[in-house]
Every structure is written in C-alpha cells, then in structure tokens.
Amino acid sequence: MVRVAVRVALFDLFPSKMAFLLLLLVDQGSTLFLLWILHALAAKRFHDRDKRGWWTALIYFPIIGALWGMIELGCLRGSTGGNRFGPDPLQTRKRDFLK
C-alpha cells in the first residue's frame, strides 16, 4: 500500500512517462535483487538444517508457506555436528575461540 502511494507521488514529480517507467524499472529491479538475497540466505539456513535449498520455494506460498518458513528458519535449531553441506559453524566458532 505504501509503495503505491510512493509511486503516485513520484508520478506527480516525474510527469514524463519515460522517467516514470525508468523509476518503475529501478524499483522492480531492486525488489528482485532483494528477493535473490533473501532466497540465498534462506538456502544457507536450510543447509544448516540439513535440507536442500529447494525448500525455499515453499516460502512463496501465501500464509502457510510464510508461517512454515518463519518456524523452520527462525525458531528451530540447525543440525548438530557436520552434515552433507559442511561442518557445523557453531562448533567451528567455539573451537577457534578456545585456541
């Protein structure tokens, strides 16, 4: 809702359709870039939970996917010890700290 209000306000500032379309292109490009970063971080967290990165696709389902993703990625602990995606980062950090 806020984005729509900002776009309407910016349309008043940029009466030229070309400038407004350029602004929309930059807006959509930045949104896709941020979604890419979110997807990469979620895939790394799924790897920490010993699951494949493709599980991030479930996050994009409305309500249920977002709720499941919030619980799976935010509330549950990662797998203990190393898994097929690498060593446990928490154990590595403790070992480095104790040296």
C-alpha atoms as a PDB file:
ATOM      1  CA  MET A   1       0.000   0.000   0.000  1.00  0.00           C
ATOM      2  CA  VAL A   2       2.824   2.365   0.868  1.00  0.00           C
ATOM      3  CA  ARG A   3       4.629   1.546  -2.385  1.00  0.00           C
ATOM      4  CA  VAL A   4       1.531   2.511  -4.367  1.00  0.00           C
ATOM      5  CA  ALA A   5       1.324   5.848  -2.562  1.00  0.00           C
ATOM      6  CA  VAL A   6       5.006   6.495  -3.212  1.00  0.00           C
ATOM      7  CA  ARG A   7       4.590   5.635  -6.892  1.00  0.00           C
ATOM      8  CA  VAL A   8       1.628   8.009  -7.222  1.00  0.00           C
ATOM      9  CA  ALA A   9       3.605  10.775  -5.508  1.00  0.00           C
ATOM     10  CA  LEU A  10       6.592  10.147  -7.754  1.00  0.00           C
ATOM     11  CA  PHE A  11       4.383  10.189 -10.831  1.00  0.00           C
ATOM     12  CA  ASP A  12       3.487  13.761  -9.903  1.00  0.00           C
ATOM     13  CA  LEU A  13       7.187  14.592  -9.637  1.00  0.00           C
ATOM     14  CA  PHE A  14       8.013  12.910 -12.967  1.00  0.00           C
ATOM     15  CA  PRO A  15       5.290  13.902 -15.423  1.00  0.00           C
ATOM     16  CA  SER A  16       7.249  12.312 -18.239  1.00  0.00           C
ATOM     17  CA  LYS A  17       6.139   8.738 -18.835  1.00  0.00           C
ATOM     18  CA  MET A  18       9.662   7.702 -19.761  1.00  0.00           C
ATOM     19  CA  ALA A  19      11.100   8.893 -16.446  1.00  0.00           C
ATOM     20  CA  PHE A  20       8.292   7.169 -14.549  1.00  0.00           C
ATOM     21  CA  LEU A  21       8.868   3.908 -16.423  1.00  0.00           C
ATOM     22  CA  LEU A  22      12.571   4.142 -15.649  1.00  0.00           C
ATOM     23  CA  LEU A  23      11.715   4.620 -11.978  1.00  0.00           C
ATOM     24  CA  LEU A  24       9.452   1.559 -12.068  1.00  0.00           C
ATOM     25  CA  LEU A  25      12.218  -0.464 -13.697  1.00  0.00           C
ATOM     26  CA  VAL A  26      14.675   0.503 -10.969  1.00  0.00           C
ATOM     27  CA  ASP A  27      12.039  -0.277  -8.313  1.00  0.00           C
ATOM     28  CA  GLN A  28      11.310  -3.731  -9.726  1.00  0.00           C
ATOM     29  CA  GLY A  29      14.993  -4.453 -10.227  1.00  0.00           C
ATOM     30  CA  SER A  30      15.797  -3.620  -6.607  1.00  0.00           C
ATOM     31  CA  THR A  31      12.896  -5.804  -5.447  1.00  0.00           C
ATOM     32  CA  LEU A  32      14.183  -8.760  -7.466  1.00  0.00           C
ATOM     33  CA  PHE A  33      17.697  -8.194  -6.126  1.00  0.00           C
ATOM     34  CA  LEU A  34      16.451  -8.220  -2.523  1.00  0.00           C
ATOM     35  CA  LEU A  35      14.402 -11.373  -3.179  1.00  0.00           C
ATOM     36  CA  TRP A  36      17.535 -13.026  -4.570  1.00  0.00           C
ATOM     37  CA  ILE A  37      19.423 -12.164  -1.370  1.00  0.00           C
ATOM     38  CA  LEU A  38      16.528 -13.467   0.765  1.00  0.00           C
ATOM     39  CA  HIS A  39      16.454 -16.689  -1.250  1.00  0.00           C
ATOM     40  CA  ALA A  40      20.223 -17.192  -0.859  1.00  0.00           C
ATOM     41  CA  LEU A  41      20.112 -16.616   2.904  1.00  0.00           C
ATOM     42  CA  ALA A  42      17.163 -18.988   3.294  1.00  0.00           C
ATOM     43  CA  ALA A  43      19.000 -21.655   1.273  1.00  0.00           C
ATOM     44  CA  LYS A  44      22.043 -21.313   3.548  1.00  0.00           C
ATOM     45  CA  ARG A  45      19.794 -21.708   6.583  1.00  0.00           C
ATOM     46  CA  PHE A  46      18.161 -24.800   5.073  1.00  0.00           C
ATOM     47  CA  HIS A  47      21.641 -26.214   4.507  1.00  0.00           C
ATOM     48  CA  ASP A  48      22.288 -25.606   8.200  1.00  0.00           C
ATOM     49  CA  ARG A  49      19.149 -27.659   8.902  1.00  0.00           C
ATOM     50  CA  ASP A  50      20.477 -30.414   6.536  1.00  0.00           C
ATOM     51  CA  LYS A  51      17.845 -29.765   3.870  1.00  0.00           C
ATOM     52  CA  ARG A  52      18.232 -28.821   0.233  1.00  0.00           C
ATOM     53  CA  GLY A  53      17.954 -25.196  -0.847  1.00  0.00           C
ATOM     54  CA  TRP A  54      14.913 -26.001  -2.993  1.00  0.00           C
ATOM     55  CA  TRP A  55      12.821 -25.921   0.183  1.00  0.00           C
ATOM     56  CA  THR A  56      12.886 -22.123  -0.164  1.00  0.00           C
ATOM     57  CA  ALA A  57      10.241 -22.443  -2.886  1.00  0.00           C
ATOM     58  CA  LEU A  58       7.675 -23.295  -0.200  1.00  0.00           C
ATOM     59  CA  ILE A  59       8.172 -19.897   1.418  1.00  0.00           C
ATOM     60  CA  TYR A  60       6.469 -18.213  -1.536  1.00  0.00           C
ATOM     61  CA  PHE A  61       3.117 -19.907  -0.861  1.00  0.00           C
ATOM     62  CA  PRO A  62       0.812 -17.414   0.836  1.00  0.00           C
ATOM     63  CA  ILE A  63       0.263 -17.591   4.613  1.00  0.00           C
ATOM     64  CA  ILE A  64       1.126 -21.272   5.163  1.00  0.00           C
ATOM     65  CA  GLY A  65       4.489 -21.053   3.428  1.00  0.00           C
ATOM     66  CA  ALA A  66       5.445 -17.853   5.212  1.00  0.00           C
ATOM     67  CA  LEU A  67       4.401 -19.251   8.598  1.00  0.00           C
ATOM     68  CA  TRP A  68       6.219 -22.536   7.960  1.00  0.00           C
ATOM     69  CA  GLY A  69       9.326 -20.682   6.785  1.00  0.00           C
ATOM     70  CA  MET A  70       9.332 -18.465   9.854  1.00  0.00           C
ATOM     71  CA  ILE A  71       9.164 -21.500  12.159  1.00  0.00           C
ATOM     72  CA  GLU A  72      11.591 -23.661  10.157  1.00  0.00           C
ATOM     73  CA  LEU A  73      14.208 -20.967   9.564  1.00  0.00           C
ATOM     74  CA  GLY A  74      13.799 -18.797  12.615  1.00  0.00           C
ATOM     75  CA  CYS A  75      12.827 -20.999  15.531  1.00  0.00           C
ATOM     76  CA  LEU A  76      14.339 -24.445  15.003  1.00  0.00           C
ATOM     77  CA  ARG A  77      17.973 -25.232  15.737  1.00  0.00           C
ATOM     78  CA  GLY A  78      20.287 -26.400  12.971  1.00  0.00           C
ATOM     79  CA  SER A  79      21.550 -29.948  12.796  1.00  0.00           C
ATOM     80  CA  THR A  80      24.233 -30.754  15.359  1.00  0.00           C
ATOM     81  CA  GLY A  81      27.640 -31.619  14.013  1.00  0.00           C
ATOM     82  CA  GLY A  82      28.601 -31.604  10.377  1.00  0.00           C
ATOM     83  CA  ASN A  83      26.191 -32.561   7.619  1.00  0.00           C
ATOM     84  CA  ARG A  84      26.422 -33.090   3.860  1.00  0.00           C
ATOM     85  CA  PHE A  85      26.685 -29.315   3.338  1.00  0.00           C
ATOM     86  CA  GLY A  86      29.696 -28.801   5.606  1.00  0.00           C
ATOM     87  CA  PRO A  87      30.817 -28.573   9.223  1.00  0.00           C
ATOM     88  CA  ASP A  88      28.689 -27.102  11.981  1.00  0.00           C
ATOM     89  CA  PRO A  89      29.526 -23.368  12.041  1.00  0.00           C
ATOM     90  CA  LEU A  90      28.785 -23.129  15.776  1.00  0.00           C
ATOM     91  CA  GLN A  91      31.274 -25.867  16.647  1.00  0.00           C
ATOM     92  CA  THR A  92      33.905 -24.333  14.360  1.00  0.00           C
ATOM     93  CA  ARG A  93      33.415 -20.961  16.027  1.00  0.00           C
ATOM     94  CA  LYS A  94      33.801 -22.489  19.517  1.00  0.00           C
ATOM     95  CA  ARG A  95      36.994 -24.296  18.520  1.00  0.00           C
ATOM     96  CA  ASP A  96      38.517 -21.120  17.076  1.00  0.00           C
ATOM     97  CA  PHE A  97      37.567 -19.164  20.188  1.00  0.00           C
ATOM     98  CA  LEU A  98      39.171 -21.648  22.569  1.00  0.00           C
ATOM     99  CA  LYS A  99      42.544 -21.587  20.761  1.00  0.00           C
END
